[in-house]
Protein backbone atom coordinates (compact mmCIF):
# COMPACT_ATOMS: atom_id res chain seq x y z
CA MET A 1 29.61 -7.74 -208.57
CA ASN A 2 27.10 -7.34 -211.33
CA LEU A 3 28.42 -8.91 -214.75
CA SER A 4 27.46 -5.53 -216.49
CA LEU A 5 29.76 -3.65 -214.14
CA GLN A 6 32.75 -5.56 -215.05
CA ASP A 7 32.44 -4.02 -218.55
CA PRO A 8 33.63 -7.19 -220.45
CA PHE A 9 33.78 -5.18 -223.71
CA ALA A 10 36.86 -3.31 -222.49
CA VAL A 11 38.74 -6.64 -223.23
CA ALA A 12 39.14 -7.13 -226.97
CA LYS A 13 40.18 -10.85 -226.81
CA GLU A 14 37.64 -13.63 -226.02
CA PHE A 15 39.71 -16.25 -224.48
CA PRO A 16 41.21 -16.53 -221.16
CA GLU A 17 45.00 -15.72 -220.80
CA SER A 18 45.99 -16.43 -217.18
CA LEU A 19 45.50 -18.93 -214.44
CA THR A 20 43.27 -17.35 -211.85
CA GLN A 21 42.25 -20.09 -209.65
CA THR A 22 43.03 -23.77 -208.42
CA LEU A 23 40.45 -26.09 -206.77
CA SER A 24 41.60 -28.74 -204.75
CA ALA A 25 38.77 -29.64 -202.32
CA GLY A 26 37.49 -33.07 -201.77
CA GLY A 27 39.87 -35.52 -203.43
CA HIS A 28 41.67 -36.14 -206.69
CA SER A 29 39.67 -34.90 -209.71
CA VAL A 30 39.56 -36.84 -213.01
CA VAL A 31 36.78 -35.12 -215.11
CA ILE A 32 35.03 -31.84 -214.99
CA GLN A 33 31.82 -30.51 -216.68
CA PHE A 34 30.23 -27.11 -216.42
CA ASN A 35 26.51 -26.60 -216.69
CA SER A 36 24.84 -24.76 -219.40
CA ARG A 37 24.74 -21.37 -217.50
CA GLY A 38 28.26 -21.69 -216.25
CA ASP A 39 27.23 -21.07 -212.64
CA TYR A 40 28.45 -24.77 -211.50
CA LEU A 41 31.29 -26.92 -212.02
CA ALA A 42 30.87 -30.71 -211.54
CA SER A 43 34.13 -32.73 -210.74
CA GLY A 44 34.16 -36.48 -210.87
CA LEU A 45 36.91 -38.12 -208.48
CA THR A 46 38.82 -41.15 -208.25
CA ASP A 47 36.78 -42.46 -205.17
CA GLY A 48 33.52 -42.45 -207.27
CA SER A 49 31.90 -39.38 -205.73
CA ILE A 50 31.04 -35.96 -207.49
CA ILE A 51 31.92 -32.54 -206.14
CA ILE A 52 29.98 -29.42 -207.35
CA TYR A 53 31.56 -25.97 -206.94
CA ASP A 54 29.54 -22.55 -207.29
CA ILE A 55 31.70 -20.62 -209.74
CA SER A 56 29.45 -17.57 -209.98
CA SER A 57 29.50 -16.59 -206.29
CA ASN A 58 32.92 -18.39 -205.52
CA ALA A 59 31.12 -20.05 -202.69
CA GLY A 60 33.41 -23.05 -202.99
CA VAL A 61 31.97 -26.71 -202.64
CA ILE A 62 28.30 -26.42 -202.37
CA ALA A 63 27.45 -30.19 -202.79
CA HIS A 64 29.26 -33.51 -202.37
CA LEU A 65 27.50 -36.44 -204.04
CA LYS A 66 28.86 -39.21 -202.18
CA LYS A 67 25.94 -41.32 -200.99
CA ASP A 68 25.09 -43.96 -203.67
CA ARG A 69 28.58 -42.99 -205.16
CA HIS A 70 30.31 -45.15 -207.79
CA SER A 71 32.70 -47.64 -206.45
CA ARG A 72 35.34 -46.82 -208.93
CA PRO A 73 36.65 -43.65 -210.54
CA VAL A 74 34.39 -41.50 -212.59
CA THR A 75 34.95 -41.38 -216.44
CA SER A 76 32.48 -38.74 -217.68
CA ILE A 77 29.84 -36.10 -216.51
CA SER A 78 27.10 -34.73 -218.55
CA TRP A 79 24.74 -32.03 -217.42
CA SER A 80 21.00 -31.61 -218.54
CA SER A 81 20.25 -28.58 -220.37
CA CYS A 82 18.01 -27.44 -217.40
CA GLY A 83 20.96 -27.81 -214.85
CA ARG A 84 18.94 -30.03 -212.57
CA TYR A 85 20.30 -33.60 -213.60
CA ILE A 86 23.79 -34.84 -213.85
CA LEU A 87 24.86 -38.14 -215.65
CA SER A 88 27.92 -39.78 -214.34
CA THR A 89 29.67 -42.97 -215.60
CA SER A 90 32.33 -44.99 -214.00
CA GLN A 91 34.79 -48.01 -214.44
CA ASP A 92 32.36 -49.86 -212.08
CA TRP A 93 30.09 -50.58 -215.07
CA THR A 94 27.45 -48.32 -214.14
CA CYS A 95 25.66 -44.96 -215.24
CA LYS A 96 23.94 -43.05 -212.60
CA LEU A 97 21.43 -39.85 -213.14
CA TRP A 98 21.44 -37.71 -210.15
CA ASP A 99 18.62 -35.16 -209.22
CA LEU A 100 20.32 -32.24 -207.61
CA SER A 101 17.12 -30.99 -206.29
CA LYS A 102 17.29 -34.00 -203.79
CA VAL A 103 20.55 -32.55 -202.46
CA ASN A 104 20.05 -32.63 -198.61
CA SER A 105 22.42 -29.44 -197.74
CA GLU A 106 21.29 -29.69 -193.90
CA ARG A 107 23.78 -32.22 -193.31
CA ASP A 108 27.31 -31.25 -192.34
CA ASP A 109 29.08 -33.31 -195.03
CA PHE A 110 26.70 -31.94 -197.93
CA ALA A 111 25.93 -35.52 -198.69
CA ALA A 112 23.02 -36.25 -201.28
CA SER A 113 20.09 -38.02 -199.97
CA SER A 114 18.67 -40.47 -202.35
CA ALA A 115 19.75 -38.08 -205.24
CA VAL A 116 20.21 -41.06 -207.73
CA ILE A 117 17.05 -41.52 -209.61
CA ARG A 118 18.35 -43.97 -212.25
CA ASN A 119 20.93 -46.53 -211.91
CA VAL A 120 21.93 -48.46 -215.23
CA LYS A 121 24.46 -51.24 -215.20
CA PHE A 122 26.26 -52.63 -218.39
CA ASP A 123 28.48 -55.64 -219.11
CA GLY A 124 31.69 -53.58 -218.96
CA PRO A 125 33.58 -50.39 -218.08
CA ILE A 126 32.05 -47.22 -219.83
CA TRP A 127 34.18 -44.53 -221.66
CA SER A 128 31.65 -41.91 -221.66
CA ALA A 129 27.89 -40.83 -221.90
CA VAL A 130 26.12 -37.81 -223.11
CA LEU A 131 22.59 -36.71 -222.31
CA HIS A 132 20.09 -35.98 -224.92
CA PRO A 133 19.58 -32.10 -225.25
CA ARG A 134 15.92 -32.24 -224.86
CA ASN A 135 15.10 -35.40 -222.60
CA HIS A 136 17.45 -36.00 -219.57
CA PHE A 137 16.28 -39.63 -219.34
CA ILE A 138 17.63 -40.51 -222.77
CA PHE A 139 21.40 -40.82 -223.21
CA VAL A 140 24.03 -42.51 -225.54
CA ALA A 141 27.16 -44.34 -224.05
CA SER A 142 30.19 -45.90 -225.42
CA LEU A 143 31.43 -49.14 -223.67
CA PHE A 144 34.71 -50.93 -223.24
CA GLU A 145 35.25 -52.99 -226.28
CA ASP A 146 31.44 -53.43 -227.11
CA HIS A 147 28.83 -51.69 -229.17
CA PRO A 148 27.58 -48.23 -228.11
CA VAL A 149 24.20 -48.18 -226.41
CA HIS A 150 20.88 -45.84 -226.64
CA VAL A 151 19.36 -45.81 -223.27
CA ASP A 152 15.98 -44.90 -222.60
CA ALA A 153 15.24 -44.53 -218.92
CA GLU A 154 11.95 -42.81 -218.98
CA ASP A 155 10.19 -45.59 -217.13
CA GLU A 156 12.33 -46.56 -214.01
CA HIS A 157 11.09 -50.15 -214.11
CA ASN A 158 11.37 -50.82 -217.58
CA VAL A 159 14.80 -49.27 -218.86
CA VAL A 160 15.19 -49.82 -222.71
CA ILE A 161 18.91 -50.44 -223.88
CA THR A 162 19.45 -50.45 -227.57
CA ARG A 163 22.73 -51.47 -229.19
CA LEU A 164 23.83 -49.18 -231.61
CA GLN A 165 25.78 -50.25 -234.94
CA THR A 166 29.46 -49.86 -234.73
CA GLN A 167 30.37 -51.03 -238.30
CA PRO A 168 30.26 -48.17 -240.95
CA ARG A 169 27.29 -48.08 -243.26
CA GLU A 170 29.33 -49.21 -246.33
CA ILE A 171 30.33 -52.49 -244.42
CA ILE A 172 26.67 -53.10 -243.31
CA GLN A 173 25.32 -52.78 -246.86
CA GLY A 174 28.00 -55.18 -248.16
CA GLU A 175 27.10 -57.67 -245.62
CA ASP A 176 23.46 -57.37 -246.64
CA ASN A 177 24.19 -57.82 -250.26
CA SER A 178 26.44 -60.85 -249.73
CA GLU A 179 23.84 -63.06 -247.90
CA SER A 180 22.76 -64.38 -251.26
CA ALA A 181 26.17 -64.41 -252.57
CA THR A 182 29.45 -66.49 -251.78
CA PRO A 183 30.20 -66.33 -248.17
CA GLU A 184 33.28 -64.12 -247.44
CA PRO A 185 36.30 -65.66 -245.87
CA GLU A 186 36.71 -65.70 -242.21
CA SER A 187 39.75 -63.43 -242.35
CA LYS A 188 37.61 -60.53 -243.61
CA LYS A 189 34.69 -61.11 -241.18
CA LYS A 190 37.52 -60.88 -238.12
CA LYS A 191 38.30 -57.49 -239.48
CA VAL A 192 34.97 -56.07 -239.33
CA GLU A 193 34.40 -57.33 -235.78
CA LYS A 194 37.39 -55.13 -234.62
CA HIS A 195 35.42 -51.84 -234.98
CA VAL A 196 34.86 -50.48 -231.62
CA THR A 197 33.11 -47.22 -230.71
CA LEU A 198 35.26 -44.87 -228.52
CA ALA A 199 33.28 -41.64 -228.58
CA THR A 200 29.44 -40.81 -228.78
CA THR A 201 27.62 -37.38 -228.71
CA PHE A 202 24.27 -35.86 -229.96
CA THR A 203 23.91 -33.04 -232.23
CA PRO A 204 22.82 -29.81 -230.43
CA ASN A 205 19.46 -28.28 -230.02
CA LEU A 206 17.01 -31.31 -230.97
CA GLY A 207 19.49 -34.24 -230.75
CA LEU A 208 18.24 -35.50 -234.22
CA TYR A 209 21.36 -37.50 -234.76
CA ILE A 210 23.90 -39.33 -232.84
CA LEU A 211 27.66 -39.08 -233.97
CA THR A 212 30.07 -41.86 -233.14
CA GLY A 213 33.75 -42.38 -233.59
CA THR A 214 35.44 -45.76 -233.99
CA SER A 215 38.54 -47.23 -233.61
CA LYS A 216 39.45 -47.47 -237.29
CA GLY A 217 38.84 -43.71 -237.75
CA TRP A 218 35.16 -43.83 -238.96
CA LEU A 219 32.46 -41.14 -238.15
CA ASN A 220 29.02 -42.92 -238.20
CA ILE A 221 25.92 -40.64 -238.00
CA ILE A 222 23.01 -42.45 -236.64
CA SER A 223 19.34 -41.30 -236.61
CA SER A 224 17.85 -40.78 -233.13
CA LYS A 225 14.39 -41.92 -234.10
CA THR A 226 15.33 -45.07 -235.97
CA LEU A 227 18.81 -45.68 -234.32
CA GLU A 228 20.12 -46.84 -237.55
CA THR A 229 23.03 -45.64 -239.40
CA VAL A 230 22.33 -43.24 -242.02
CA HIS A 231 25.91 -42.25 -243.28
CA SER A 232 29.62 -43.09 -242.39
CA ILE A 233 32.77 -41.22 -243.35
CA LYS A 234 36.16 -42.21 -242.70
CA PHE A 235 38.88 -39.48 -241.66
CA THR A 236 41.60 -41.33 -240.58
CA ASN A 237 43.33 -44.77 -239.79
CA SER A 238 43.83 -44.40 -236.14
CA ASN A 239 41.40 -44.27 -232.87
CA ILE A 240 38.97 -41.41 -232.62
CA LYS A 241 39.44 -40.45 -228.99
CA ASN A 242 37.03 -37.50 -228.82
CA LEU A 243 34.12 -36.03 -230.82
CA VAL A 244 33.32 -32.23 -229.88
CA ILE A 245 30.41 -30.43 -231.60
CA SER A 246 30.56 -26.33 -230.96
CA PRO A 247 27.43 -25.01 -229.30
CA ASN A 248 26.18 -23.53 -232.61
CA GLY A 249 26.42 -26.77 -234.28
CA ARG A 250 28.54 -25.57 -237.07
CA LYS A 251 31.67 -27.20 -236.51
CA LEU A 252 33.14 -30.59 -235.21
CA ALA A 253 36.47 -31.47 -233.59
CA ILE A 254 37.89 -34.99 -234.19
CA ASN A 255 40.70 -35.83 -231.83
CA SER A 256 42.41 -38.83 -233.12
CA SER A 257 45.56 -40.71 -232.03
CA ASP A 258 47.53 -39.95 -234.88
CA ARG A 259 48.30 -36.68 -233.19
CA ILE A 260 45.85 -34.56 -235.44
CA ILE A 261 42.79 -32.68 -234.58
CA ARG A 262 40.52 -32.33 -237.53
CA GLN A 263 38.12 -29.46 -237.72
CA ILE A 264 35.03 -30.35 -239.78
CA ILE A 265 32.39 -28.16 -241.21
CA LEU A 266 28.94 -29.67 -240.56
CA PRO A 267 25.88 -29.38 -242.81
CA ASP A 268 23.30 -27.04 -241.52
CA PHE A 269 20.41 -29.79 -241.48
CA LEU A 270 22.30 -31.35 -238.63
CA ASN A 271 21.74 -28.45 -236.50
CA ARG A 272 18.02 -27.92 -237.27
CA ARG A 273 15.97 -26.21 -234.56
CA ASN A 274 12.54 -27.62 -235.66
CA ASP A 275 11.62 -31.30 -236.18
CA GLU A 276 10.58 -30.93 -239.88
CA ASP A 277 11.43 -34.01 -241.98
CA LEU A 278 13.81 -33.27 -244.92
CA ASN A 279 11.92 -33.65 -248.25
CA GLY A 280 13.20 -36.23 -250.65
CA GLU A 281 15.80 -38.72 -250.44
CA GLU A 282 18.01 -37.11 -253.22
CA LYS A 283 18.28 -34.15 -251.24
CA VAL A 284 19.53 -36.18 -248.14
CA GLU A 285 22.08 -37.85 -250.38
CA GLU A 286 23.42 -34.27 -251.54
CA GLU A 287 23.75 -32.92 -248.20
CA TRP A 288 25.60 -35.88 -246.76
CA ASP A 289 28.48 -34.92 -249.08
CA GLU A 290 28.78 -31.48 -247.36
CA PHE A 291 31.52 -32.88 -244.76
CA GLU A 292 34.91 -31.44 -245.31
CA VAL A 293 37.97 -31.15 -243.39
CA GLU A 294 38.34 -27.35 -242.87
CA HIS A 295 41.65 -27.24 -240.64
CA LYS A 296 44.08 -29.85 -239.20
CA TYR A 297 46.07 -29.01 -235.83
CA GLN A 298 49.13 -30.47 -234.83
CA ASP A 299 52.49 -30.02 -233.44
CA LEU A 300 55.13 -30.95 -236.02
CA ILE A 301 57.99 -30.22 -233.88
CA ASN A 302 57.16 -32.09 -230.68
CA ARG A 303 54.71 -34.43 -232.14
CA LEU A 304 52.39 -34.03 -229.21
CA GLN A 305 49.35 -36.14 -228.50
CA TRP A 306 46.24 -34.43 -227.47
CA ASN A 307 44.05 -35.58 -224.41
CA SER A 308 40.94 -33.36 -224.91
CA VAL A 309 39.48 -30.61 -227.18
CA VAL A 310 36.68 -28.18 -226.82
CA PHE A 311 35.31 -25.13 -228.70
CA ASN A 312 34.10 -21.82 -227.32
CA HIS A 313 30.76 -20.72 -227.55
CA ASN A 314 30.72 -19.59 -231.08
CA ALA A 315 33.64 -21.93 -232.50
CA GLU A 316 35.91 -19.03 -233.06
CA PHE A 317 38.59 -20.72 -230.74
CA LEU A 318 39.55 -24.35 -230.05
CA VAL A 319 41.66 -25.27 -227.05
CA ALA A 320 43.28 -28.78 -226.42
CA SER A 321 45.26 -30.42 -223.58
CA THR A 322 48.42 -32.03 -224.37
CA PHE A 323 49.50 -35.58 -223.39
CA GLY A 324 52.77 -36.56 -221.89
CA GLN A 325 54.97 -35.32 -219.06
CA SER A 326 57.01 -33.00 -221.10
CA SER A 327 54.15 -30.72 -222.06
CA GLN A 328 52.02 -29.00 -219.54
CA ASP A 329 49.89 -26.48 -221.42
CA LEU A 330 46.92 -25.73 -223.29
CA TYR A 331 46.98 -24.84 -226.83
CA VAL A 332 44.37 -22.29 -228.20
CA TRP A 333 43.85 -21.88 -231.99
CA GLU A 334 41.71 -19.41 -233.97
CA THR A 335 39.42 -21.73 -235.98
CA SER A 336 38.76 -19.41 -239.01
CA MET A 337 42.40 -19.48 -240.22
CA GLY A 338 43.72 -22.54 -237.96
CA SER A 339 46.66 -20.49 -236.50
CA LEU A 340 47.83 -20.99 -232.87
CA VAL A 341 47.05 -17.84 -230.84
CA LYS A 342 47.84 -18.71 -227.34
CA ILE A 343 49.45 -21.28 -225.06
CA LEU A 344 48.03 -21.27 -221.64
CA GLU A 345 50.74 -21.92 -219.05
CA GLY A 346 50.72 -22.05 -215.19
CA SER A 347 50.17 -25.65 -214.29
CA ASN A 348 53.20 -27.74 -213.17
CA GLU A 349 51.78 -31.17 -214.60
CA GLU A 350 49.97 -32.88 -217.38
CA LEU A 351 46.58 -31.73 -217.95
CA ILE A 352 43.67 -34.31 -218.78
CA ASP A 353 40.15 -33.11 -219.29
CA VAL A 354 39.52 -29.72 -220.53
CA LYS A 355 36.26 -27.84 -220.58
CA TRP A 356 35.08 -24.25 -221.73
CA ASN A 357 32.64 -22.22 -219.55
CA TYR A 358 30.86 -20.15 -222.34
CA SER A 359 29.15 -17.52 -220.32
CA LYS A 360 32.06 -16.70 -217.79
CA CYS A 361 34.64 -17.06 -220.44
CA MET A 362 36.58 -19.55 -218.61
CA ILE A 363 38.79 -22.73 -219.15
CA GLY A 364 38.84 -25.47 -216.73
CA SER A 365 41.21 -28.60 -216.83
CA THR A 366 42.34 -31.38 -214.29
CA GLY A 367 45.83 -32.25 -213.30
CA LEU A 368 46.86 -35.82 -213.62
CA ASP A 369 49.21 -36.15 -210.77
CA SER A 370 47.53 -33.84 -208.17
CA GLY A 371 44.18 -34.09 -209.31
CA TYR A 372 43.72 -30.24 -209.05
CA VAL A 373 41.32 -28.30 -211.16
CA TYR A 374 42.92 -25.31 -212.88
CA LEU A 375 40.90 -22.48 -213.88
CA TRP A 376 41.90 -19.83 -216.78
CA SER A 377 39.96 -16.72 -217.00
CA ILE A 378 39.92 -13.19 -218.10
CA GLN A 379 41.06 -10.36 -215.47
CA PHE A 380 38.66 -7.71 -216.03
CA PRO A 381 40.13 -4.16 -215.51
CA GLN A 382 38.23 -1.82 -213.15
CA LYS A 383 36.01 0.75 -214.92
CA TRP A 384 34.79 3.57 -212.72
CA SER A 385 32.39 4.93 -215.51
CA ALA A 386 30.33 1.62 -215.01
CA LEU A 387 29.34 2.53 -211.44
CA ALA A 388 28.80 6.22 -212.20
CA PRO A 389 27.38 7.10 -215.66
CA ASP A 390 28.57 10.66 -215.44
CA PHE A 391 31.89 9.71 -214.57
CA VAL A 392 34.54 10.06 -217.42
CA GLU A 393 38.05 8.49 -217.30
CA ILE A 394 40.93 10.55 -219.10
CA GLU A 395 44.55 9.32 -219.59
CA GLU A 396 45.89 12.76 -219.62
CA ASN A 397 44.80 16.42 -218.95
CA ILE A 398 42.70 18.24 -221.03
CA GLU A 399 41.29 21.74 -221.22
CA TYR A 400 37.74 21.84 -219.94
CA ASP A 401 35.21 24.71 -221.13
CA GLU A 402 33.04 25.82 -218.48
CA LYS A 403 29.60 26.45 -219.21
CA GLU A 404 28.15 29.93 -218.26
CA ASP A 405 25.57 28.76 -215.72
CA GLU A 406 27.53 25.55 -214.57
CA PHE A 407 28.73 26.97 -211.33
CA ASP A 408 25.97 29.46 -210.52
CA ILE A 409 24.20 29.34 -207.20
CA ILE A 410 20.76 27.63 -207.74
CA ASP A 411 18.06 27.34 -204.86
CA ASP A 412 17.98 23.92 -203.76
CA GLN A 413 14.33 23.48 -204.08
CA VAL A 414 14.34 24.83 -207.72
CA LEU A 415 17.11 22.07 -208.34
CA VAL A 416 15.12 19.28 -206.67
CA GLN A 417 12.01 20.33 -208.35
CA LYS A 418 13.80 20.21 -211.79
CA ARG A 419 15.07 16.72 -211.17
CA LEU A 420 11.67 15.48 -210.03
CA GLU A 421 10.18 16.74 -213.37
CA GLU A 422 12.88 14.88 -215.30
CA GLU A 423 12.29 11.77 -213.50
CA GLU A 424 8.53 11.64 -214.01
CA ASP A 425 9.12 11.47 -217.75
CA LEU A 426 11.34 8.41 -217.25
CA VAL A 427 9.59 5.06 -217.50
CA VAL A 428 11.28 2.04 -215.78
CA ASP A 429 10.33 -1.40 -216.43
CA ILE A 430 10.86 -3.60 -213.53
CA LEU A 431 8.75 -6.61 -214.59
CA THR A 432 10.14 -7.56 -217.85
CA MET A 433 13.30 -9.78 -217.69
CA GLU A 434 16.35 -8.98 -219.82
CA LYS A 435 16.62 -11.33 -222.90
CA TYR A 436 20.54 -11.17 -223.08
CA ASP A 437 23.31 -10.75 -220.88
CA ALA A 438 26.38 -8.25 -221.16
CA ARG A 439 28.07 -10.68 -223.53
CA GLY A 440 24.93 -11.51 -225.64
CA PHE A 441 24.05 -14.88 -224.20
CA ASP A 442 20.56 -15.70 -223.91
CA ILE A 443 19.12 -15.45 -220.44
CA GLU A 444 17.40 -18.71 -219.65
CA GLU A 445 16.04 -20.08 -216.40
CA SER A 446 18.15 -22.54 -214.91
CA PHE A 447 18.03 -24.74 -211.87
CA ILE A 448 19.59 -23.32 -208.47
CA ILE A 449 21.12 -26.15 -206.34
CA PRO A 450 19.55 -25.80 -202.67
CA VAL A 451 22.12 -24.70 -200.33
CA LYS A 452 22.14 -23.81 -196.57
CA TYR A 453 25.08 -21.64 -196.32
CA ASP A 454 24.87 -21.52 -192.55
């Protein structure tokens, strides 16, 4: 059904309330990711393959990327902004870039034929990797007990891998200043080496900066041009497990192992939509001080750990999955006041990865034991006036005033001629595409996976 006929404005709430669907095809799902349009859902399995579901038409599995798959479980999935490419990481120490236009849908098993266009191998397992918002051949990855890396795979035969700095900027500057002074004791050097980056992500739009979270609670901001740390802030003393930036680039959620989710207000210059340089070093120093913790989310009664967090499209809501067998729900907070508004129930197991489908207003999560993919969404009520503009729904009887000539017998030819005259004055534009959909999202061209439904 057309999106406009579902009348999304009839529902005041902008977050899902009920579990509507469970996906279990193909195998045990570990991680999931929606594309930018929300039409497809990619699911990484424990056998190293990737399944893609068609969400918009409910067609089920439309592709199973199992040729040239990973040899171990998938750890993360990242879609390109155009929707054509997928970056997957695994415990087999490799990152694979898939071209979905090469999916061979003519085979019965929907296997991909040479869909891997880049295969980068590292010296250890990979926590996660994120594609650049403008260039799908560039990505950053956090490695197990190693420095994070910036990868430029534009040239297939000359992949450039640059190791990023893990230590905070203050420590790096201290090391540079102490080269000519008295050497530091060995005990202090060992403490510096214990910093490990666990999470990495790009800023939205242009991807001008890279945000990394360390095992000591530091947030490092690295320039995408120079690949050097420009600023460091310490928010906690424990591991930073997740870094999630809202799609509008205004807020950052830091999920750490101290059972607290911190909501940070980001400076506006991190989310610039043009590539103009900032004027003056003094202005840069002033803007770096704008980071502040707006809210802290935690469960003071049960002391729950959080597995994964995600914002909705405008950062009005934040959802998190809980760690441990005692809790099997998703917590939804309202970000302006920091209050808990909903606990999504329905699953009978611990939920791991959680993602928000912005255009479809849908939340997806994976089960730890079964590997099922659970989808929460809004149930839109039927609205007959969307199908017939002249139809009016009433909840109770009302008195109707009849017009004088409403039920008069009119010649059919006269009536037809009157309608034709009215239609001649109406200009219908069938060439110009709509800029916004029924919910106000920008309508952008997105890649459509070739599928043979026969």
